[in-house]
Amino acid sequence: MSTAIHNTNQACCTIPPVQSDYQPKGTFKSLGDFQKVYVTGPEKSDNAIVCVYDIFGYFPQTQQGADIVASSLNTTVYMPDFFEHDKPFPASKYPPKSDQDKADLQAFFGATANPPAAIAKLTKFGNHLKSQGAKNVGVYGFCWGGKVVVSAAGENTPFSAASIIHPAMLSLEDAKKLTIPLGIFVSNDEPEDEYNKILDVIGKKSFASLNDHKYYRNMFHGWAAARGDLNNEDNKREYEDVYGKLVQFLKKAL
């Protein structure tokens, strides 16, 4: 039996090596209406990419991903601090184990991480980047950030392509409103039935040829962002794979 591994994900052969003990390469700047934005990649690029983190805010795993996208595409990546006037949700309370943890999580989604407010901020930030000369702006997000991203990708969106990775609150209705290509990469914790319905809908859109998708059945919600354990070989391998697919999707769609 052959032991050769055939990697069909081209970007996995070109993205920088993933490190479990990582020092982010970007810097924090004030930009648009945000006092704090993680910026990585070239000082200027024709296009721009925005990353919306998960409910745990800035984490080395998420920042390493942004560094990978920026260096692979030679494009500036911006990660605004949507929680800058408050605090991200404590990773120690997730997944919620007690009734109090569950109540705290719901309260967080209702206030600090209120989706409509974040969608408005993201849309305004995308328009700001375009006003500063970006030809096309791509956007991607994780968990809660995935919900924010897909919700900002409908009519009159400033974005040219969107990707959601282990997204929270996966919704067919959001997909129906999409007006730009979508890369959707889900874990085993997301509802497969809803995922398949979304694929069916976006497969009939005018931009269908630019879409991409993958179901990571062996992965958990959060493997590509703050909850990722890059000391685990399976997690690290699929982390590399999904960022490779994200890079290829954005390269094609932008």
Protein backbone atom coordinates (compact mmCIF):
# COMPACT_ATOMS: atom_id res chain seq x y z
CA MET A 1 0.00 0.00 0.00
CA SER A 2 1.35 3.41 -0.96
CA THR A 3 2.11 5.82 1.87
CA ALA A 4 2.36 8.84 -0.44
CA ILE A 5 0.17 11.80 0.54
CA HIS A 6 -1.28 13.84 -2.31
CA ASN A 7 -2.02 17.38 -1.12
CA THR A 8 -4.69 18.97 -3.30
CA ASN A 9 -4.59 22.20 -1.30
CA GLN A 10 -1.94 24.19 -3.18
CA ALA A 11 -1.63 26.93 -0.58
CA CYS A 12 -0.58 24.43 2.06
CA CYS A 13 2.64 24.07 0.13
CA THR A 14 3.28 27.81 0.16
CA ILE A 15 1.96 29.25 3.42
CA PRO A 16 4.49 29.86 6.22
CA PRO A 17 5.02 27.04 8.73
CA VAL A 18 2.52 27.11 11.58
CA GLN A 19 4.02 27.51 15.04
CA SER A 20 2.50 26.49 18.36
CA ASP A 21 4.51 29.12 20.27
CA TYR A 22 3.96 32.22 18.17
CA GLN A 23 4.82 35.91 18.35
CA PRO A 24 2.48 37.95 16.11
CA LYS A 25 4.25 39.99 13.45
CA GLY A 26 1.78 42.85 13.11
CA THR A 27 1.28 46.08 15.02
CA PHE A 28 -1.68 47.84 16.63
CA LYS A 29 -2.91 51.09 15.16
CA SER A 30 -5.86 53.45 15.40
CA LEU A 31 -7.84 53.28 12.17
CA GLY A 32 -11.28 54.45 11.08
CA ASP A 33 -13.58 54.47 14.10
CA PHE A 34 -11.51 51.84 15.90
CA GLN A 35 -8.92 52.89 18.47
CA LYS A 36 -7.21 49.52 18.17
CA VAL A 37 -6.69 47.49 14.98
CA TYR A 38 -4.16 44.68 14.51
CA VAL A 39 -2.48 45.39 11.15
CA THR A 40 -0.19 42.92 9.41
CA GLY A 41 1.39 42.63 5.98
CA PRO A 42 2.68 45.30 3.60
CA GLU A 43 2.20 48.93 4.53
CA LYS A 44 0.18 49.40 1.36
CA SER A 45 -1.47 46.95 -1.02
CA ASP A 46 -3.98 47.21 -3.87
CA ASN A 47 -6.55 45.15 -1.99
CA ALA A 48 -7.30 44.84 1.72
CA ILE A 49 -8.59 42.03 3.93
CA VAL A 50 -10.48 42.33 7.23
CA CYS A 51 -10.51 39.61 9.89
CA VAL A 52 -13.27 39.44 12.50
CA TYR A 53 -12.03 37.47 15.48
CA ASP A 54 -14.13 35.16 17.67
CA ILE A 55 -15.67 36.00 21.06
CA PHE A 56 -12.29 35.58 22.78
CA GLY A 57 -10.76 38.57 21.00
CA TYR A 58 -7.07 38.72 20.11
CA PHE A 59 -5.28 35.37 20.41
CA PRO A 60 -1.91 34.30 18.94
CA GLN A 61 -3.63 31.56 16.91
CA THR A 62 -5.94 34.10 15.25
CA GLN A 63 -3.16 36.63 14.73
CA GLN A 64 -0.87 33.96 13.26
CA GLY A 65 -3.65 33.18 10.80
CA ALA A 66 -3.86 36.84 9.80
CA ASP A 67 -0.08 36.93 9.36
CA ILE A 68 -0.30 33.85 7.12
CA VAL A 69 -3.01 35.42 4.96
CA ALA A 70 -1.11 38.72 4.69
CA SER A 71 2.24 37.18 3.73
CA SER A 72 0.73 34.60 1.37
CA LEU A 73 -1.27 37.19 -0.57
CA ASN A 74 1.09 40.14 -0.04
CA THR A 75 -2.00 42.03 1.13
CA THR A 76 -2.60 44.08 4.26
CA VAL A 77 -4.86 42.38 6.78
CA TYR A 78 -6.77 44.38 9.39
CA MET A 79 -8.25 42.90 12.58
CA PRO A 80 -10.29 45.55 14.42
CA ASP A 81 -10.97 45.31 18.14
CA PHE A 82 -14.76 45.07 18.19
CA PHE A 83 -14.68 44.73 21.97
CA GLU A 84 -12.34 47.67 22.61
CA HIS A 85 -14.70 49.40 25.04
CA ASP A 86 -15.23 46.22 27.02
CA LYS A 87 -13.55 42.81 27.33
CA PRO A 88 -13.75 39.61 25.25
CA PHE A 89 -15.52 36.59 26.68
CA PRO A 90 -13.25 34.64 29.07
CA ALA A 91 -11.94 31.49 27.38
CA SER A 92 -12.08 29.76 30.77
CA LYS A 93 -15.89 29.98 30.69
CA TYR A 94 -16.26 28.28 27.31
CA PRO A 95 -17.90 25.95 26.69
CA PRO A 96 -20.21 27.10 29.52
CA LYS A 97 -20.44 24.50 32.26
CA SER A 98 -22.72 26.16 34.81
CA ASP A 99 -26.00 28.03 34.51
CA GLN A 100 -24.11 31.20 35.41
CA ASP A 101 -21.62 30.64 32.57
CA LYS A 102 -24.53 30.16 30.16
CA ALA A 103 -26.20 33.32 31.40
CA ASP A 104 -22.92 35.24 31.09
CA LEU A 105 -22.49 34.06 27.50
CA GLN A 106 -26.01 35.14 26.53
CA ALA A 107 -25.46 38.49 28.20
CA PHE A 108 -22.21 38.92 26.29
CA PHE A 109 -23.97 38.30 22.95
CA GLY A 110 -26.66 40.77 23.94
CA ALA A 111 -24.30 43.60 24.87
CA THR A 112 -20.55 43.57 24.10
CA ALA A 113 -20.92 41.25 21.10
CA ASN A 114 -24.29 42.51 19.90
CA PRO A 115 -24.33 41.30 16.25
CA PRO A 116 -26.24 44.22 14.63
CA ALA A 117 -23.87 46.75 16.19
CA ALA A 118 -20.83 44.77 15.06
CA ILE A 119 -22.24 44.40 11.54
CA ALA A 120 -22.65 48.17 11.31
CA LYS A 121 -19.08 48.72 12.55
CA LEU A 122 -17.68 46.17 10.09
CA THR A 123 -19.55 47.67 7.14
CA LYS A 124 -18.37 51.16 8.02
CA PHE A 125 -14.79 49.93 8.36
CA GLY A 126 -14.97 48.24 4.94
CA ASN A 127 -16.20 51.49 3.41
CA HIS A 128 -13.37 53.34 5.17
CA LEU A 129 -10.76 51.05 3.59
CA LYS A 130 -12.28 51.59 0.16
CA SER A 131 -12.27 55.34 0.70
CA GLN A 132 -8.55 55.06 1.48
CA GLY A 133 -7.88 53.46 -1.91
CA ALA A 134 -8.41 49.72 -1.51
CA LYS A 135 -9.68 48.34 -4.82
CA ASN A 136 -11.28 45.24 -3.37
CA VAL A 137 -11.81 44.33 0.28
CA GLY A 138 -12.18 40.75 1.44
CA VAL A 139 -13.44 39.73 4.87
CA TYR A 140 -13.34 36.57 6.97
CA GLY A 141 -14.42 35.65 10.47
CA PHE A 142 -14.68 32.91 13.08
CA CYS A 143 -17.48 31.80 15.41
CA TRP A 144 -19.42 34.97 16.30
CA GLY A 145 -17.24 36.79 13.77
CA GLY A 146 -18.50 34.45 11.05
CA LYS A 147 -22.07 35.51 11.78
CA VAL A 148 -21.04 39.16 11.62
CA VAL A 149 -19.17 38.62 8.33
CA VAL A 150 -21.92 36.77 6.48
CA SER A 151 -24.50 39.29 7.69
CA ALA A 152 -22.41 42.12 6.24
CA ALA A 153 -22.10 40.41 2.84
CA GLY A 154 -25.53 41.19 1.44
CA GLU A 155 -26.94 44.11 -0.51
CA ASN A 156 -24.74 47.23 -0.70
CA THR A 157 -21.81 45.47 0.97
CA PRO A 158 -18.42 47.17 0.65
CA PHE A 159 -16.79 43.73 0.48
CA SER A 160 -15.88 41.71 -2.62
CA ALA A 161 -15.56 38.28 -0.99
CA ALA A 162 -16.39 36.76 2.40
CA SER A 163 -15.32 33.64 4.26
CA ILE A 164 -16.66 32.09 7.45
CA ILE A 165 -14.72 29.52 9.49
CA HIS A 166 -16.45 27.41 12.14
CA PRO A 167 -19.22 30.04 12.17
CA ALA A 168 -21.71 30.48 14.97
CA MET A 169 -25.45 30.84 14.32
CA LEU A 170 -25.19 29.32 10.84
CA SER A 171 -28.26 30.44 8.90
CA LEU A 172 -29.72 29.67 5.48
CA GLU A 173 -31.45 33.06 5.51
CA ASP A 174 -28.07 34.82 5.65
CA ALA A 175 -26.89 32.82 2.65
CA LYS A 176 -29.95 33.77 0.61
CA LYS A 177 -29.03 37.46 1.00
CA LEU A 178 -25.40 37.05 -0.12
CA THR A 179 -24.27 39.19 -3.05
CA ILE A 180 -20.58 38.18 -3.04
CA PRO A 181 -18.61 34.89 -3.20
CA LEU A 182 -18.47 32.84 -0.01
CA GLY A 183 -15.86 30.49 1.38
CA ILE A 184 -17.46 28.36 4.10
CA PHE A 185 -15.35 26.02 6.23
CA VAL A 186 -17.17 24.30 9.07
CA SER A 187 -16.37 21.90 11.89
CA ASN A 188 -18.21 18.84 13.09
CA ASP A 189 -19.95 21.03 15.68
CA GLU A 190 -21.88 23.05 13.11
CA PRO A 191 -25.27 21.76 11.83
CA GLU A 192 -24.56 19.73 8.71
CA ASP A 193 -28.11 20.03 7.40
CA GLU A 194 -27.95 23.85 7.47
CA TYR A 195 -24.50 23.75 5.89
CA ASN A 196 -25.77 21.61 2.99
CA LYS A 197 -28.74 23.92 2.45
CA ILE A 198 -26.37 26.88 2.29
CA LEU A 199 -24.19 25.13 -0.28
CA ASP A 200 -27.26 24.50 -2.40
CA VAL A 201 -28.30 28.16 -2.28
CA ILE A 202 -24.90 29.70 -2.97
CA GLY A 203 -24.29 27.11 -5.70
CA LYS A 204 -27.07 28.77 -7.69
CA LYS A 205 -25.76 32.32 -7.30
CA SER A 206 -24.15 34.17 -10.20
CA PHE A 207 -20.77 33.99 -8.41
CA ALA A 208 -21.01 30.24 -7.73
CA SER A 209 -17.76 29.43 -9.54
CA LEU A 210 -15.83 31.57 -7.03
CA ASN A 211 -17.25 29.92 -3.90
CA ASP A 212 -15.38 27.32 -1.86
CA HIS A 213 -16.29 25.02 1.01
CA LYS A 214 -15.10 22.15 3.18
CA TYR A 215 -16.58 20.19 6.08
CA TYR A 216 -13.89 19.38 8.66
CA ARG A 217 -15.55 16.38 10.28
CA ASN A 218 -12.57 15.67 12.52
CA MET A 219 -12.41 19.20 13.93
CA PHE A 220 -14.24 21.08 16.69
CA HIS A 221 -15.73 24.54 16.77
CA GLY A 222 -12.79 26.92 17.24
CA TRP A 223 -9.90 24.88 15.82
CA ALA A 224 -8.67 27.68 13.53
CA ALA A 225 -8.85 30.52 16.05
CA ALA A 226 -8.54 31.09 19.81
CA ARG A 227 -9.47 27.54 20.86
CA GLY A 228 -7.04 25.91 18.46
CA ASP A 229 -4.39 23.68 20.04
CA LEU A 230 -1.42 23.90 17.70
CA ASN A 231 0.52 21.44 19.84
CA ASN A 232 -1.95 18.81 18.67
CA GLU A 233 -0.82 17.39 15.31
CA ASP A 234 -4.34 16.84 13.96
CA ASN A 235 -5.39 20.37 14.90
CA LYS A 236 -2.20 21.85 13.47
CA ARG A 237 -2.61 19.95 10.19
CA GLU A 238 -6.20 21.12 9.72
CA TYR A 239 -5.28 24.65 10.81
CA GLU A 240 -2.73 24.71 8.00
CA ASP A 241 -5.27 23.23 5.60
CA VAL A 242 -8.05 25.72 6.29
CA TYR A 243 -5.75 28.74 6.07
CA GLY A 244 -4.43 27.34 2.81
CA LYS A 245 -7.98 27.10 1.50
CA LEU A 246 -8.79 30.59 2.78
CA VAL A 247 -5.76 32.01 0.98
CA GLN A 248 -6.70 30.29 -2.29
CA PHE A 249 -10.30 31.43 -2.00
CA LEU A 250 -9.37 35.07 -1.42
CA LYS A 251 -6.77 34.96 -4.19
CA LYS A 252 -9.41 33.76 -6.64
CA ALA A 253 -12.34 35.86 -5.43
CA LEU A 254 -10.49 39.16 -5.06
